[in-house]
Amino acid sequence: MSRELDTEGYWSNELNSLGIQTKRKNELNDRKEMKDLVENVKQVLLQEYRTAYEYE
């Protein structure tokens, strides 16, 4: 993993880009938890996109 991807700032920016604000320091500010949250939100958005544009 590159150093950039291993910083809390990177994952905080990713969450902000997904519309999730991280203003307070709490358990979600842990780097691994933020990374997991980013990945989960992206997967949900991708699944919703696929469902919305699925042709039958």
N, C-alpha and C. Protein backbone atom coordinates (compact mmCIF):
# COMPACT_ATOMS: atom_id res chain seq x y z
N MET A 1 0.85 -1.18 0.00
CA MET A 1 0.00 0.00 0.00
C MET A 1 0.89 1.24 0.00
N SER A 2 0.57 2.20 -0.82
CA SER A 2 1.38 3.40 -0.87
C SER A 2 1.18 4.23 0.39
N ARG A 3 2.12 5.09 0.66
CA ARG A 3 2.02 5.94 1.86
C ARG A 3 0.80 6.83 1.81
N GLU A 4 0.47 7.32 0.61
CA GLU A 4 -0.70 8.21 0.48
C GLU A 4 -1.97 7.50 0.93
N LEU A 5 -2.12 6.24 0.55
CA LEU A 5 -3.32 5.50 0.90
C LEU A 5 -3.33 5.07 2.36
N ASP A 6 -2.22 5.24 3.04
CA ASP A 6 -2.10 4.80 4.41
C ASP A 6 -2.28 5.95 5.40
N THR A 7 -2.81 7.09 4.95
CA THR A 7 -2.99 8.22 5.85
C THR A 7 -4.46 8.45 6.16
N GLU A 8 -4.73 8.95 7.36
CA GLU A 8 -6.10 9.26 7.73
C GLU A 8 -6.66 10.37 6.85
N GLY A 9 -5.80 11.32 6.47
CA GLY A 9 -6.25 12.42 5.63
C GLY A 9 -6.79 11.94 4.29
N TYR A 10 -6.12 10.96 3.70
CA TYR A 10 -6.58 10.42 2.42
C TYR A 10 -7.98 9.83 2.56
N TRP A 11 -8.17 8.99 3.58
CA TRP A 11 -9.47 8.34 3.75
C TRP A 11 -10.54 9.32 4.17
N SER A 12 -10.16 10.34 4.94
CA SER A 12 -11.10 11.39 5.31
C SER A 12 -11.56 12.14 4.06
N ASN A 13 -10.64 12.44 3.15
CA ASN A 13 -11.00 13.10 1.89
C ASN A 13 -11.89 12.22 1.03
N GLU A 14 -11.61 10.92 1.01
CA GLU A 14 -12.47 10.00 0.26
C GLU A 14 -13.89 10.02 0.82
N LEU A 15 -14.01 9.97 2.15
CA LEU A 15 -15.34 10.02 2.76
C LEU A 15 -16.04 11.33 2.43
N ASN A 16 -15.31 12.43 2.50
CA ASN A 16 -15.89 13.73 2.15
C ASN A 16 -16.38 13.74 0.72
N SER A 17 -15.64 13.13 -0.19
CA SER A 17 -16.05 13.10 -1.60
C SER A 17 -17.31 12.26 -1.81
N LEU A 18 -17.58 11.36 -0.87
CA LEU A 18 -18.79 10.54 -0.94
C LEU A 18 -19.95 11.16 -0.16
N GLY A 19 -19.73 12.37 0.37
CA GLY A 19 -20.79 13.07 1.09
C GLY A 19 -20.85 12.74 2.56
N ILE A 20 -19.82 12.12 3.10
CA ILE A 20 -19.78 11.77 4.52
C ILE A 20 -18.77 12.68 5.20
N GLN A 21 -19.26 13.52 6.10
CA GLN A 21 -18.40 14.47 6.80
C GLN A 21 -17.79 13.83 8.04
N THR A 22 -16.51 14.04 8.26
CA THR A 22 -15.82 13.51 9.43
C THR A 22 -15.24 14.67 10.22
N LYS A 23 -16.10 15.39 10.90
CA LYS A 23 -15.67 16.58 11.63
C LYS A 23 -15.12 16.25 13.01
N ARG A 24 -15.68 15.25 13.67
CA ARG A 24 -15.25 14.91 15.02
C ARG A 24 -14.25 13.75 14.97
N LYS A 25 -13.35 13.74 15.92
CA LYS A 25 -12.47 12.59 16.09
C LYS A 25 -13.23 11.58 16.93
N ASN A 26 -13.43 10.40 16.40
CA ASN A 26 -14.11 9.33 17.12
C ASN A 26 -13.62 8.01 16.58
N GLU A 27 -14.32 6.93 16.90
CA GLU A 27 -13.88 5.61 16.45
C GLU A 27 -13.87 5.48 14.93
N LEU A 28 -14.62 6.32 14.20
CA LEU A 28 -14.60 6.24 12.74
C LEU A 28 -13.37 6.91 12.13
N ASN A 29 -12.61 7.60 12.94
CA ASN A 29 -11.42 8.25 12.43
C ASN A 29 -10.22 7.31 12.41
N ASP A 30 -10.40 6.07 12.82
CA ASP A 30 -9.36 5.06 12.70
C ASP A 30 -9.14 4.80 11.21
N ARG A 31 -7.92 4.78 10.77
CA ARG A 31 -7.56 4.65 9.35
C ARG A 31 -8.20 3.41 8.72
N LYS A 32 -8.11 2.25 9.38
CA LYS A 32 -8.67 1.03 8.80
C LYS A 32 -10.19 1.10 8.72
N GLU A 33 -10.82 1.63 9.76
CA GLU A 33 -12.28 1.74 9.72
C GLU A 33 -12.74 2.72 8.65
N MET A 34 -12.01 3.82 8.47
CA MET A 34 -12.37 4.77 7.41
C MET A 34 -12.21 4.12 6.05
N LYS A 35 -11.13 3.37 5.84
CA LYS A 35 -10.90 2.68 4.57
C LYS A 35 -12.04 1.69 4.31
N ASP A 36 -12.40 0.91 5.33
CA ASP A 36 -13.48 -0.06 5.16
C ASP A 36 -14.81 0.63 4.86
N LEU A 37 -15.07 1.75 5.52
CA LEU A 37 -16.30 2.50 5.26
C LEU A 37 -16.34 3.02 3.84
N VAL A 38 -15.22 3.56 3.36
CA VAL A 38 -15.14 4.05 1.98
C VAL A 38 -15.44 2.92 1.00
N GLU A 39 -14.80 1.77 1.21
CA GLU A 39 -15.01 0.64 0.31
C GLU A 39 -16.47 0.17 0.34
N ASN A 40 -17.08 0.12 1.51
CA ASN A 40 -18.47 -0.31 1.62
C ASN A 40 -19.42 0.67 0.95
N VAL A 41 -19.21 1.96 1.16
CA VAL A 41 -20.08 2.96 0.53
C VAL A 41 -19.96 2.89 -0.99
N LYS A 42 -18.75 2.74 -1.49
CA LYS A 42 -18.55 2.63 -2.95
C LYS A 42 -19.25 1.40 -3.50
N GLN A 43 -19.20 0.28 -2.79
CA GLN A 43 -19.87 -0.94 -3.25
C GLN A 43 -21.39 -0.76 -3.28
N VAL A 44 -21.94 -0.10 -2.26
CA VAL A 44 -23.39 0.15 -2.23
C VAL A 44 -23.79 1.05 -3.39
N LEU A 45 -23.04 2.12 -3.62
CA LEU A 45 -23.35 3.03 -4.72
C LEU A 45 -23.27 2.32 -6.07
N LEU A 46 -22.26 1.49 -6.24
CA LEU A 46 -22.12 0.74 -7.49
C LEU A 46 -23.29 -0.22 -7.69
N GLN A 47 -23.69 -0.91 -6.63
CA GLN A 47 -24.83 -1.83 -6.73
C GLN A 47 -26.11 -1.08 -7.04
N GLU A 48 -26.32 0.07 -6.41
CA GLU A 48 -27.51 0.87 -6.70
C GLU A 48 -27.51 1.37 -8.14
N TYR A 49 -26.35 1.77 -8.64
CA TYR A 49 -26.23 2.20 -10.04
C TYR A 49 -26.58 1.06 -10.98
N ARG A 50 -26.00 -0.10 -10.71
CA ARG A 50 -26.27 -1.26 -11.57
C ARG A 50 -27.74 -1.62 -11.55
N THR A 51 -28.37 -1.58 -10.39
CA THR A 51 -29.80 -1.91 -10.27
C THR A 51 -30.64 -0.87 -11.02
N ALA A 52 -30.30 0.39 -10.91
CA ALA A 52 -31.07 1.45 -11.56
C ALA A 52 -30.99 1.36 -13.08
N TYR A 53 -29.87 0.93 -13.62
CA TYR A 53 -29.68 0.92 -15.08
C TYR A 53 -29.67 -0.47 -15.68
N GLU A 54 -30.17 -1.43 -14.92
CA GLU A 54 -30.23 -2.80 -15.41
C GLU A 54 -31.37 -2.95 -16.41
N TYR A 55 -31.09 -3.60 -17.51
CA TYR A 55 -32.11 -3.84 -18.53
C TYR A 55 -32.59 -5.27 -18.41
N GLU A 56 -33.90 -5.45 -18.49
CA GLU A 56 -34.46 -6.81 -18.43
C GLU A 56 -34.89 -7.27 -19.78
